[in-house]
Each structure stands twice: as structure tokens, then as C-alpha cells.
N, C-alpha and C. Protein backbone atom coordinates (compact mmCIF):
# COMPACT_ATOMS: atom_id res chain seq x y z
N MET A 1 90.75 88.74 73.17
CA MET A 1 91.20 88.69 74.56
C MET A 1 92.67 88.27 74.61
N LYS A 2 93.53 89.15 75.11
CA LYS A 2 94.96 88.87 75.15
C LYS A 2 95.34 87.95 76.31
N ILE A 3 94.58 87.99 77.40
CA ILE A 3 94.98 87.24 78.59
C ILE A 3 94.88 85.74 78.31
N TYR A 4 93.70 85.27 77.98
CA TYR A 4 93.46 83.91 77.51
C TYR A 4 92.47 84.00 76.34
N PRO A 5 92.76 83.36 75.21
CA PRO A 5 91.87 83.48 74.04
C PRO A 5 90.42 83.08 74.31
N LYS A 6 90.21 82.10 75.18
CA LYS A 6 88.85 81.60 75.42
C LYS A 6 88.17 82.27 76.62
N MET A 7 88.84 83.18 77.25
CA MET A 7 88.28 83.87 78.43
C MET A 7 87.27 84.91 77.97
N ASN A 8 86.09 84.92 78.62
CA ASN A 8 85.08 85.91 78.26
C ASN A 8 84.24 86.26 79.49
N LYS A 9 83.27 87.13 79.30
CA LYS A 9 82.50 87.64 80.43
C LYS A 9 81.64 86.57 81.10
N SER A 10 81.29 85.54 80.37
CA SER A 10 80.39 84.53 80.94
C SER A 10 81.14 83.41 81.66
N ASN A 11 82.44 83.24 81.41
CA ASN A 11 83.16 82.12 82.02
C ASN A 11 84.24 82.56 83.01
N THR A 12 84.10 83.79 83.50
CA THR A 12 85.11 84.37 84.37
C THR A 12 84.51 84.74 85.72
N GLY A 13 85.25 84.50 86.79
CA GLY A 13 84.82 84.87 88.14
C GLY A 13 85.96 85.50 88.92
N LEU A 14 85.61 86.31 89.90
CA LEU A 14 86.59 86.99 90.74
C LEU A 14 86.56 86.43 92.15
N LEU A 15 87.73 86.05 92.66
CA LEU A 15 87.88 85.61 94.05
C LEU A 15 88.49 86.73 94.88
N VAL A 16 87.83 87.04 95.99
CA VAL A 16 88.37 88.00 96.96
C VAL A 16 88.61 87.21 98.25
N ILE A 17 89.87 86.91 98.53
CA ILE A 17 90.22 85.92 99.54
C ILE A 17 90.61 86.57 100.87
N ASP A 18 89.83 86.29 101.91
CA ASP A 18 90.20 86.55 103.31
C ASP A 18 90.46 88.01 103.65
N ILE A 19 89.70 88.91 103.06
CA ILE A 19 89.81 90.32 103.48
C ILE A 19 88.90 90.48 104.70
N VAL A 20 89.38 89.96 105.80
CA VAL A 20 88.64 89.96 107.06
C VAL A 20 89.48 90.65 108.13
N ASN A 21 88.83 91.01 109.23
CA ASN A 21 89.54 91.73 110.29
C ASN A 21 90.77 90.98 110.78
N GLY A 22 90.65 89.67 110.90
CA GLY A 22 91.75 88.88 111.42
C GLY A 22 92.99 88.89 110.55
N CYS A 23 92.84 89.33 109.31
CA CYS A 23 93.96 89.39 108.38
C CYS A 23 94.27 90.82 107.94
N ALA A 24 93.63 91.81 108.57
CA ALA A 24 93.82 93.18 108.10
C ALA A 24 93.72 94.25 109.19
N HIS A 25 92.85 94.04 110.16
CA HIS A 25 92.56 95.10 111.13
C HIS A 25 93.71 95.30 112.12
N GLN A 26 93.96 96.55 112.45
CA GLN A 26 95.04 96.86 113.38
C GLN A 26 94.85 96.20 114.75
N ASP A 27 93.59 96.03 115.16
CA ASP A 27 93.32 95.41 116.46
C ASP A 27 93.68 93.94 116.49
N CYS A 28 93.87 93.34 115.32
CA CYS A 28 94.22 91.91 115.26
C CYS A 28 95.71 91.68 115.04
N GLU A 29 96.49 92.73 115.07
CA GLU A 29 97.93 92.60 114.90
C GLU A 29 98.60 92.16 116.21
N ASP A 30 99.78 91.57 116.07
CA ASP A 30 100.60 91.20 117.23
C ASP A 30 102.06 91.48 116.87
N PRO A 31 102.49 92.72 117.05
CA PRO A 31 103.86 93.07 116.66
C PRO A 31 104.94 92.24 117.35
N LYS A 32 104.64 91.68 118.52
CA LYS A 32 105.64 90.88 119.25
C LYS A 32 106.08 89.67 118.44
N ILE A 33 105.17 89.14 117.60
CA ILE A 33 105.53 88.00 116.76
C ILE A 33 105.54 88.37 115.28
N ASP A 34 105.69 89.68 115.03
CA ASP A 34 105.84 90.20 113.67
C ASP A 34 104.60 89.98 112.81
N VAL A 35 103.43 90.06 113.42
CA VAL A 35 102.16 89.94 112.69
C VAL A 35 101.54 91.33 112.61
N THR A 36 101.81 92.02 111.51
CA THR A 36 101.23 93.35 111.27
C THR A 36 100.78 93.42 109.81
N PHE A 37 99.80 94.29 109.54
CA PHE A 37 99.07 94.25 108.27
C PHE A 37 99.01 95.59 107.52
N SER A 38 99.95 96.47 107.74
CA SER A 38 99.83 97.80 107.13
C SER A 38 99.84 97.73 105.60
N LYS A 39 100.62 96.84 105.02
CA LYS A 39 100.67 96.73 103.56
C LYS A 39 99.33 96.20 103.01
N ILE A 40 98.68 95.35 103.78
CA ILE A 40 97.35 94.87 103.37
C ILE A 40 96.36 96.02 103.40
N ARG A 41 96.39 96.82 104.47
CA ARG A 41 95.46 97.95 104.56
C ARG A 41 95.70 98.97 103.45
N GLU A 42 96.95 99.15 103.04
CA GLU A 42 97.25 100.05 101.94
C GLU A 42 96.69 99.54 100.62
N MET A 43 96.64 98.23 100.46
CA MET A 43 96.16 97.61 99.22
C MET A 43 94.64 97.65 99.09
N ILE A 44 93.92 97.59 100.20
CA ILE A 44 92.48 97.38 100.16
C ILE A 44 91.70 98.47 99.41
N PRO A 45 92.00 99.76 99.56
CA PRO A 45 91.27 100.76 98.75
C PRO A 45 91.40 100.51 97.24
N ASN A 46 92.56 100.06 96.80
CA ASN A 46 92.73 99.74 95.38
C ASN A 46 91.91 98.51 95.00
N LEU A 47 91.82 97.56 95.91
CA LEU A 47 90.99 96.38 95.66
C LEU A 47 89.52 96.78 95.54
N ILE A 48 89.05 97.65 96.41
CA ILE A 48 87.65 98.10 96.36
C ILE A 48 87.37 98.79 95.03
N ASP A 49 88.29 99.65 94.58
CA ASP A 49 88.12 100.32 93.28
C ASP A 49 88.09 99.30 92.15
N PHE A 50 88.98 98.31 92.24
CA PHE A 50 89.02 97.29 91.20
C PHE A 50 87.71 96.52 91.12
N VAL A 51 87.16 96.14 92.27
CA VAL A 51 85.90 95.40 92.28
C VAL A 51 84.81 96.19 91.57
N ASP A 52 84.73 97.49 91.83
CA ASP A 52 83.74 98.33 91.15
C ASP A 52 83.93 98.31 89.65
N ASN A 53 85.17 98.43 89.20
CA ASN A 53 85.46 98.41 87.77
C ASN A 53 85.22 97.04 87.16
N TYR A 54 85.52 95.99 87.93
CA TYR A 54 85.28 94.63 87.45
C TYR A 54 83.79 94.43 87.18
N ARG A 55 82.95 94.88 88.10
CA ARG A 55 81.50 94.76 87.89
C ARG A 55 81.07 95.46 86.61
N LYS A 56 81.62 96.63 86.36
CA LYS A 56 81.21 97.42 85.20
C LYS A 56 81.72 96.83 83.89
N LYS A 57 82.95 96.34 83.89
CA LYS A 57 83.58 95.94 82.64
C LYS A 57 83.49 94.45 82.35
N VAL A 58 83.35 93.61 83.41
CA VAL A 58 83.38 92.16 83.20
C VAL A 58 82.03 91.55 83.54
N ASN A 59 81.74 91.33 84.81
CA ASN A 59 80.47 90.72 85.19
C ASN A 59 80.26 90.81 86.69
N ASN A 60 79.22 90.18 87.17
CA ASN A 60 78.92 90.17 88.60
C ASN A 60 79.18 88.82 89.26
N SER A 61 80.05 88.01 88.67
CA SER A 61 80.39 86.73 89.29
C SER A 61 81.53 86.95 90.28
N LEU A 62 81.15 87.37 91.49
CA LEU A 62 82.12 87.65 92.54
C LEU A 62 81.96 86.67 93.69
N PHE A 63 83.10 86.19 94.18
CA PHE A 63 83.12 85.23 95.28
C PHE A 63 83.98 85.80 96.40
N TYR A 64 83.33 86.09 97.51
CA TYR A 64 84.03 86.61 98.69
C TYR A 64 84.28 85.45 99.64
N ILE A 65 85.54 85.27 100.00
CA ILE A 65 85.93 84.16 100.86
C ILE A 65 86.18 84.69 102.27
N ASN A 66 85.55 84.04 103.26
CA ASN A 66 85.86 84.36 104.64
C ASN A 66 86.15 83.07 105.41
N LEU A 67 86.26 83.18 106.74
CA LEU A 67 86.75 82.07 107.55
C LEU A 67 85.76 81.69 108.64
N THR A 68 85.79 80.41 109.00
CA THR A 68 85.18 80.02 110.27
C THR A 68 86.04 80.62 111.38
N PRO A 69 85.57 80.62 112.63
CA PRO A 69 86.48 80.97 113.72
C PRO A 69 87.73 80.09 113.64
N TRP A 70 88.90 80.71 113.77
CA TRP A 70 90.16 79.97 113.60
C TRP A 70 90.57 79.35 114.94
N THR A 71 89.67 78.50 115.46
CA THR A 71 89.89 77.84 116.74
C THR A 71 89.79 76.33 116.55
N LYS A 72 90.29 75.58 117.52
CA LYS A 72 90.48 74.14 117.36
C LYS A 72 89.22 73.41 116.92
N GLU A 73 88.07 73.75 117.50
CA GLU A 73 86.86 73.00 117.23
C GLU A 73 86.37 73.15 115.79
N TYR A 74 86.82 74.19 115.09
CA TYR A 74 86.36 74.43 113.72
C TYR A 74 87.34 73.92 112.67
N LEU A 75 88.56 73.63 113.04
CA LEU A 75 89.61 73.35 112.06
C LEU A 75 89.83 71.85 111.87
N PRO A 76 90.28 71.45 110.69
CA PRO A 76 90.47 70.02 110.42
C PRO A 76 91.62 69.43 111.25
N LYS A 77 91.63 68.11 111.32
CA LYS A 77 92.57 67.43 112.20
C LYS A 77 94.02 67.67 111.81
N ASN A 78 94.31 67.82 110.51
CA ASN A 78 95.71 68.01 110.14
C ASN A 78 96.23 69.37 110.62
N ILE A 79 95.38 70.41 110.60
CA ILE A 79 95.80 71.70 111.15
C ILE A 79 95.95 71.59 112.67
N GLN A 80 95.01 70.90 113.32
CA GLN A 80 95.12 70.72 114.77
C GLN A 80 96.44 70.05 115.14
N GLU A 81 96.81 69.04 114.36
CA GLU A 81 98.06 68.34 114.68
C GLU A 81 99.27 69.22 114.40
N LEU A 82 99.23 69.97 113.30
CA LEU A 82 100.31 70.90 113.00
C LEU A 82 100.49 71.91 114.13
N TYR A 83 99.37 72.40 114.65
CA TYR A 83 99.43 73.45 115.66
C TYR A 83 99.84 72.95 117.04
N THR A 84 100.07 71.64 117.19
CA THR A 84 100.65 71.16 118.45
C THR A 84 102.10 71.62 118.58
N ASP A 85 102.70 72.00 117.47
CA ASP A 85 104.03 72.61 117.49
C ASP A 85 103.86 74.08 117.81
N PRO A 86 104.39 74.56 118.92
CA PRO A 86 104.20 75.97 119.30
C PRO A 86 104.65 76.95 118.23
N LYS A 87 105.64 76.58 117.42
CA LYS A 87 106.12 77.47 116.36
C LYS A 87 105.09 77.64 115.25
N ALA A 88 104.20 76.66 115.10
CA ALA A 88 103.21 76.70 114.03
C ALA A 88 101.84 77.15 114.51
N ASP A 89 101.63 77.18 115.81
CA ASP A 89 100.32 77.49 116.39
C ASP A 89 99.84 78.88 115.98
N TYR A 90 98.71 78.91 115.27
CA TYR A 90 98.15 80.20 114.85
C TYR A 90 96.66 80.27 115.19
N TYR A 91 96.27 79.59 116.25
CA TYR A 91 94.88 79.66 116.68
C TYR A 91 94.51 81.10 117.06
N SER A 92 93.26 81.45 116.81
CA SER A 92 92.74 82.75 117.23
C SER A 92 92.22 82.64 118.67
N ASP A 93 92.39 83.72 119.42
CA ASP A 93 91.81 83.76 120.76
C ASP A 93 90.61 84.70 120.82
N ASP A 94 90.10 85.10 119.65
CA ASP A 94 88.95 85.99 119.58
C ASP A 94 87.66 85.16 119.68
N GLU A 95 86.87 85.42 120.68
CA GLU A 95 85.61 84.71 120.87
C GLU A 95 84.40 85.58 120.52
N THR A 96 84.65 86.75 119.96
CA THR A 96 83.56 87.70 119.68
C THR A 96 83.03 87.59 118.26
N GLY A 97 83.76 86.95 117.35
CA GLY A 97 83.38 86.90 115.94
C GLY A 97 83.92 88.07 115.14
N PHE A 98 84.61 88.99 115.80
CA PHE A 98 85.16 90.16 115.11
C PHE A 98 86.16 89.77 114.03
N SER A 99 87.02 88.81 114.32
CA SER A 99 88.09 88.44 113.39
C SER A 99 87.57 87.95 112.05
N GLU A 100 86.39 87.32 112.06
CA GLU A 100 85.87 86.71 110.83
C GLU A 100 85.06 87.68 109.96
N LYS A 101 84.78 88.87 110.47
CA LYS A 101 83.98 89.83 109.70
C LYS A 101 84.83 90.48 108.61
N PHE A 102 84.19 90.78 107.47
CA PHE A 102 84.92 91.43 106.38
C PHE A 102 85.45 92.79 106.83
N TYR A 103 86.62 93.14 106.31
CA TYR A 103 87.27 94.40 106.63
C TYR A 103 87.12 95.37 105.47
N GLN A 104 86.32 96.40 105.65
CA GLN A 104 86.13 97.51 104.71
C GLN A 104 85.49 97.11 103.38
N ILE A 105 85.23 95.87 103.16
CA ILE A 105 84.56 95.46 101.93
C ILE A 105 83.17 94.94 102.28
N LYS A 106 82.27 95.05 101.33
CA LYS A 106 80.89 94.64 101.59
C LYS A 106 80.32 93.97 100.35
N PRO A 107 80.16 92.66 100.39
CA PRO A 107 79.57 91.97 99.25
C PRO A 107 78.16 92.48 98.95
N ASN A 108 77.82 92.51 97.67
CA ASN A 108 76.45 92.82 97.26
C ASN A 108 75.55 91.59 97.45
N LYS A 109 74.26 91.81 97.33
CA LYS A 109 73.31 90.71 97.53
C LYS A 109 73.55 89.56 96.57
N GLU A 110 73.94 89.88 95.34
CA GLU A 110 74.11 88.83 94.34
C GLU A 110 75.46 88.12 94.43
N ASP A 111 76.37 88.64 95.22
CA ASP A 111 77.67 88.01 95.38
C ASP A 111 77.56 86.74 96.23
N ILE A 112 78.50 85.86 96.05
CA ILE A 112 78.50 84.59 96.78
C ILE A 112 79.59 84.61 97.83
N VAL A 113 79.23 84.31 99.06
CA VAL A 113 80.18 84.25 100.17
C VAL A 113 80.48 82.78 100.47
N ILE A 114 81.74 82.44 100.46
CA ILE A 114 82.20 81.08 100.75
C ILE A 114 82.97 81.12 102.06
N THR A 115 82.57 80.29 103.01
CA THR A 115 83.24 80.24 104.31
C THR A 115 84.07 78.96 104.38
N LYS A 116 85.34 79.11 104.67
CA LYS A 116 86.24 77.95 104.68
C LYS A 116 86.85 77.75 106.07
N ASN A 117 87.29 76.50 106.33
CA ASN A 117 87.91 76.20 107.62
C ASN A 117 89.32 75.66 107.45
N THR A 118 89.89 75.91 106.27
CA THR A 118 91.28 75.55 106.02
C THR A 118 91.86 76.60 105.10
N TYR A 119 93.08 76.37 104.60
CA TYR A 119 93.75 77.44 103.89
C TYR A 119 93.15 77.73 102.52
N ASP A 120 92.89 76.69 101.74
CA ASP A 120 92.44 76.94 100.37
C ASP A 120 90.92 77.01 100.28
N CYS A 121 90.44 77.61 99.20
CA CYS A 121 89.01 77.90 99.05
C CYS A 121 88.21 76.73 98.50
N PHE A 122 88.88 75.67 98.07
CA PHE A 122 88.18 74.57 97.42
C PHE A 122 87.86 73.42 98.37
N THR A 123 88.72 73.18 99.36
CA THR A 123 88.53 72.04 100.25
C THR A 123 87.39 72.30 101.23
N ASP A 124 86.48 71.35 101.31
CA ASP A 124 85.36 71.41 102.27
C ASP A 124 84.46 72.63 102.06
N THR A 125 84.35 73.10 100.82
CA THR A 125 83.40 74.18 100.50
C THR A 125 82.62 73.80 99.24
N GLU A 126 81.63 74.62 98.91
CA GLU A 126 80.82 74.41 97.71
C GLU A 126 81.39 75.15 96.50
N LEU A 127 82.58 75.74 96.62
CA LEU A 127 83.07 76.62 95.56
C LEU A 127 83.16 75.92 94.21
N GLU A 128 83.78 74.76 94.15
CA GLU A 128 83.97 74.09 92.85
C GLU A 128 82.62 73.78 92.20
N LYS A 129 81.66 73.30 92.96
CA LYS A 129 80.34 72.98 92.41
C LYS A 129 79.67 74.24 91.85
N ILE A 130 79.75 75.32 92.59
CA ILE A 130 79.12 76.57 92.14
C ILE A 130 79.78 77.06 90.86
N LEU A 131 81.11 77.00 90.80
CA LEU A 131 81.82 77.44 89.60
C LEU A 131 81.41 76.60 88.39
N LYS A 132 81.32 75.30 88.58
CA LYS A 132 80.96 74.43 87.45
C LYS A 132 79.50 74.65 87.04
N ASP A 133 78.62 74.87 88.02
CA ASP A 133 77.22 75.15 87.70
C ASP A 133 77.09 76.44 86.89
N LYS A 134 77.97 77.39 87.15
CA LYS A 134 77.95 78.67 86.45
C LYS A 134 78.82 78.66 85.19
N ASN A 135 79.45 77.52 84.91
CA ASN A 135 80.34 77.38 83.76
C ASN A 135 81.51 78.36 83.81
N ILE A 136 82.02 78.59 85.02
CA ILE A 136 83.18 79.48 85.19
C ILE A 136 84.45 78.65 85.14
N GLN A 137 85.33 79.01 84.23
CA GLN A 137 86.59 78.31 84.02
C GLN A 137 87.79 79.16 84.44
N TYR A 138 87.65 80.48 84.36
CA TYR A 138 88.76 81.40 84.60
C TYR A 138 88.53 82.17 85.89
N LEU A 139 89.50 82.12 86.78
CA LEU A 139 89.37 82.76 88.09
C LEU A 139 90.42 83.86 88.24
N VAL A 140 89.93 85.05 88.56
CA VAL A 140 90.78 86.19 88.83
C VAL A 140 90.98 86.24 90.35
N VAL A 141 92.24 86.27 90.79
CA VAL A 141 92.55 86.10 92.20
C VAL A 141 93.06 87.38 92.82
N THR A 142 92.45 87.74 93.97
CA THR A 142 92.91 88.84 94.81
C THR A 142 92.85 88.37 96.26
N GLY A 143 93.54 89.08 97.16
CA GLY A 143 93.37 88.78 98.58
C GLY A 143 94.66 88.51 99.33
N VAL A 144 94.55 87.82 100.45
CA VAL A 144 95.67 87.57 101.35
C VAL A 144 95.59 86.11 101.86
N PHE A 145 96.68 85.59 102.39
CA PHE A 145 98.06 86.02 102.30
C PHE A 145 98.68 85.35 101.08
N THR A 146 99.60 86.03 100.41
CA THR A 146 100.19 85.50 99.18
C THR A 146 100.68 84.08 99.35
N GLU A 147 101.47 83.87 100.41
CA GLU A 147 102.15 82.59 100.62
C GLU A 147 101.31 81.59 101.39
N GLY A 148 100.09 81.98 101.76
CA GLY A 148 99.21 81.12 102.54
C GLY A 148 97.97 80.73 101.76
N CYS A 149 96.86 81.37 102.09
CA CYS A 149 95.58 80.97 101.50
C CYS A 149 95.49 81.26 100.00
N VAL A 150 96.17 82.32 99.54
CA VAL A 150 96.18 82.60 98.10
C VAL A 150 96.92 81.49 97.36
N LEU A 151 98.12 81.19 97.81
CA LEU A 151 98.93 80.13 97.18
C LEU A 151 98.20 78.80 97.19
N SER A 152 97.67 78.39 98.34
CA SER A 152 97.04 77.07 98.41
C SER A 152 95.78 77.00 97.55
N THR A 153 95.05 78.11 97.44
CA THR A 153 93.86 78.13 96.58
C THR A 153 94.24 77.97 95.12
N ILE A 154 95.28 78.68 94.71
CA ILE A 154 95.73 78.60 93.32
C ILE A 154 96.22 77.19 92.99
N VAL A 155 97.03 76.62 93.87
CA VAL A 155 97.58 75.28 93.62
C VAL A 155 96.45 74.25 93.53
N ASN A 156 95.53 74.28 94.47
CA ASN A 156 94.43 73.31 94.48
C ASN A 156 93.50 73.54 93.28
N GLY A 157 93.16 74.79 93.03
CA GLY A 157 92.26 75.08 91.91
C GLY A 157 92.87 74.72 90.57
N PHE A 158 94.16 74.97 90.41
CA PHE A 158 94.83 74.61 89.16
C PHE A 158 94.82 73.10 88.97
N SER A 159 95.05 72.36 90.05
CA SER A 159 95.02 70.90 89.97
C SER A 159 93.63 70.38 89.61
N ARG A 160 92.59 71.15 89.92
CA ARG A 160 91.22 70.77 89.57
C ARG A 160 90.83 71.21 88.16
N GLY A 161 91.76 71.88 87.47
CA GLY A 161 91.53 72.20 86.06
C GLY A 161 91.12 73.62 85.77
N PHE A 162 91.12 74.51 86.76
CA PHE A 162 90.75 75.90 86.52
C PHE A 162 91.95 76.71 86.03
N ASN A 163 91.66 77.75 85.25
CA ASN A 163 92.69 78.68 84.80
C ASN A 163 92.67 79.92 85.70
N PHE A 164 93.86 80.51 85.89
CA PHE A 164 93.96 81.63 86.82
C PHE A 164 94.57 82.87 86.19
N VAL A 165 94.04 84.02 86.63
CA VAL A 165 94.67 85.31 86.40
C VAL A 165 94.97 85.86 87.79
N ILE A 166 96.24 86.10 88.08
CA ILE A 166 96.67 86.47 89.41
C ILE A 166 97.06 87.95 89.39
N LEU A 167 96.33 88.76 90.14
CA LEU A 167 96.56 90.21 90.11
C LEU A 167 97.59 90.57 91.18
N LYS A 168 98.81 90.76 90.73
CA LYS A 168 99.94 90.86 91.67
C LYS A 168 99.90 92.10 92.55
N ASP A 169 99.20 93.15 92.12
CA ASP A 169 99.11 94.34 92.97
C ASP A 169 97.95 94.27 93.95
N LEU A 170 97.11 93.26 93.83
CA LEU A 170 95.96 93.10 94.73
C LEU A 170 96.05 91.81 95.54
N ILE A 171 97.27 91.30 95.67
CA ILE A 171 97.58 90.17 96.54
C ILE A 171 98.66 90.65 97.49
N GLU A 172 98.46 90.39 98.76
CA GLU A 172 99.40 90.96 99.73
C GLU A 172 99.62 90.01 100.89
N SER A 173 100.66 90.32 101.69
CA SER A 173 100.98 89.50 102.85
C SER A 173 101.26 90.40 104.04
N MET A 174 101.68 89.78 105.15
CA MET A 174 102.06 90.55 106.33
C MET A 174 103.28 91.42 106.03
N ASP A 175 103.55 92.35 106.94
CA ASP A 175 104.59 93.34 106.70
C ASP A 175 106.01 92.81 106.85
N GLY A 176 106.21 91.73 107.60
CA GLY A 176 107.56 91.25 107.90
C GLY A 176 108.41 91.06 106.66
N LYS A 177 109.71 91.33 106.80
CA LYS A 177 110.63 91.29 105.66
C LYS A 177 110.62 89.93 104.96
N LYS A 178 110.68 88.85 105.73
CA LYS A 178 110.71 87.52 105.13
C LYS A 178 109.41 87.23 104.37
N ARG A 179 108.29 87.60 104.99
CA ARG A 179 106.99 87.39 104.33
C ARG A 179 106.94 88.16 103.01
N GLN A 180 107.40 89.39 103.02
CA GLN A 180 107.37 90.20 101.82
C GLN A 180 108.30 89.64 100.74
N GLU A 181 109.43 89.11 101.14
CA GLU A 181 110.34 88.50 100.17
C GLU A 181 109.72 87.26 99.52
N ILE A 182 109.06 86.44 100.34
CA ILE A 182 108.40 85.25 99.79
C ILE A 182 107.28 85.66 98.85
N SER A 183 106.49 86.65 99.25
CA SER A 183 105.38 87.14 98.42
C SER A 183 105.90 87.62 97.07
N LYS A 184 106.96 88.39 97.09
CA LYS A 184 107.54 88.91 95.85
C LYS A 184 108.04 87.77 94.96
N SER A 185 108.70 86.80 95.56
CA SER A 185 109.22 85.67 94.78
C SER A 185 108.09 84.86 94.13
N LEU A 186 107.02 84.64 94.87
CA LEU A 186 105.89 83.91 94.30
C LEU A 186 105.31 84.65 93.10
N LYS A 187 105.16 85.96 93.22
CA LYS A 187 104.58 86.75 92.14
C LYS A 187 105.49 86.82 90.92
N GLU A 188 106.80 86.83 91.15
CA GLU A 188 107.74 87.00 90.05
C GLU A 188 108.20 85.69 89.43
N TYR A 189 108.36 84.64 90.26
CA TYR A 189 109.04 83.45 89.78
C TYR A 189 108.21 82.16 89.83
N VAL A 190 107.11 82.17 90.58
CA VAL A 190 106.34 80.93 90.73
C VAL A 190 105.00 81.03 89.99
N PHE A 191 104.17 81.97 90.37
CA PHE A 191 102.84 82.07 89.76
C PHE A 191 102.88 82.16 88.23
N PRO A 192 103.69 83.05 87.64
CA PRO A 192 103.60 83.21 86.18
C PRO A 192 104.09 82.01 85.39
N PHE A 193 104.93 81.19 85.99
CA PHE A 193 105.51 80.06 85.26
C PHE A 193 104.80 78.74 85.53
N LEU A 194 104.03 78.69 86.62
CA LEU A 194 103.40 77.42 86.98
C LEU A 194 101.88 77.47 87.01
N TYR A 195 101.28 78.62 87.31
CA TYR A 195 99.86 78.61 87.67
C TYR A 195 98.96 79.58 86.93
N GLY A 196 99.47 80.63 86.32
CA GLY A 196 98.54 81.51 85.63
C GLY A 196 99.14 82.83 85.23
N LYS A 197 98.40 83.57 84.42
CA LYS A 197 98.81 84.89 84.00
C LYS A 197 98.92 85.79 85.22
N THR A 198 100.07 86.35 85.46
CA THR A 198 100.31 87.18 86.64
C THR A 198 100.57 88.60 86.18
N ILE A 199 99.56 89.46 86.35
CA ILE A 199 99.57 90.81 85.81
C ILE A 199 99.02 91.78 86.84
N THR A 200 99.04 93.07 86.52
CA THR A 200 98.45 94.06 87.42
C THR A 200 96.96 94.18 87.14
N SER A 201 96.26 94.77 88.09
CA SER A 201 94.82 94.99 87.91
C SER A 201 94.55 95.94 86.75
N LYS A 202 95.43 96.92 86.56
CA LYS A 202 95.28 97.85 85.43
C LYS A 202 95.41 97.12 84.10
N GLU A 203 96.39 96.24 84.01
CA GLU A 203 96.57 95.46 82.79
C GLU A 203 95.35 94.57 82.54
N PHE A 204 94.81 94.00 83.60
CA PHE A 204 93.64 93.15 83.45
C PHE A 204 92.46 93.96 82.89
N LEU A 205 92.15 95.07 83.48
CA LEU A 205 90.98 95.85 83.06
C LEU A 205 91.16 96.40 81.64
N SER A 206 92.38 96.70 81.25
CA SER A 206 92.61 97.26 79.92
C SER A 206 92.33 96.27 78.81
N ASP A 207 92.24 94.99 79.17
CA ASP A 207 92.01 93.95 78.16
C ASP A 207 90.50 93.71 77.92
N TRP A 208 89.64 94.46 78.61
CA TRP A 208 88.21 94.30 78.47
C TRP A 208 87.60 95.54 77.81
N LYS A 209 86.82 95.33 76.81
CA LYS A 209 86.17 96.45 76.11
C LYS A 209 85.02 97.00 76.90
């Protein structure tokens, strides 16, 4: 194994982070504040293909991450306090549950769905316990947003002792120029030097017999 010498089919898991309507669907966009998701929608078919190949070549340890309703009553106090600043306020006004539903992806029965109420996947969830029960040490990361929930999950998970493989072509952010610049910088200059092997999905699959 070229990626990590000790990485194998039994100790590896795949994270699919926040591929939900609220982070991808055109109906959840707000162009007035530069919140659009076309680059995410372009990425998702490749992510779906990758998941199929991952099941065939690696294993069925897949973790799909979704969200509680992104409204005040569900979110922790530090986010509530942050959102008192109008510039930071990102509460959802969707009361239908549409925003939290997966977008174009469908977990299998054996997959594990983790629902979170903050940015990273480890805080206030069962993820770490499940990973340790399954003896999973290496996490392959896909999803959105690069500079938000993906970044915070990697930072927290790395601090808890997990190893990461970050698939740079299957991690995406909003369309805005600044967001895209930050996403690119994280993939090129931050992730590979601080948090994990940062490669393409094709490179990842080629390393598995």
C-alpha cells in the first residue's frame, strides 16, 4: 500500500460529508449573498461513481453525514452566539425538512448515517465510538464544504488520532471566487502538509488491488 503502509481493507472507512439539499440543491441557493452550488453539483456524479468503486475495491465501511435542521433550537450555544452577528448568521429558514435530505445519493442498508448539529462530524455524535468499535484508523474524506465542515472534521479527527486520505477532486465548496480560492489553498498547501495524504480519487483507487 503506497498511501499508508498500515492501511488495509479492514481498517479503512469512507466519509461522505453533507451531500444534502441545503448544500447542493438549486432551490437552496441564494445568489444575492453569493451562495450557489453549481461546482458541487458537477462533482456529485463523480462522487457517486467513486462510492461504487470504493465498495468493489475496498470495503463497505461507509459513513454518510447529514445535518439536523440548521435552526437555533438544534444548534449548540457557541453557534447561536456567533450567529447574533448578522454577517455570520447562516440559520436555515426551511421548515419542511427538505434541506436535510440527501441530494442524489442514497446510502445502502449497511451504511451508517451520522447526523450532526455542528460543523465537524466528531462532536456530539457517535462517530468516534463506531470507528473504534470497527477498528477503523484511516478515513477517506469526501464532501462539502472544503473550508467548513470538511476542514473542521479533518482537524478534529486528526487531533483524536485518526489518519486521513483527502480526495481533492471529491471535496468542493460554493461557487464564489473567494470560497474557491480558499478551497484550492487548503487542498494544495494545508491538507497535504498538516493533516493527510491529499490525492485524487483515481490515484486512491489505483492503489488497491
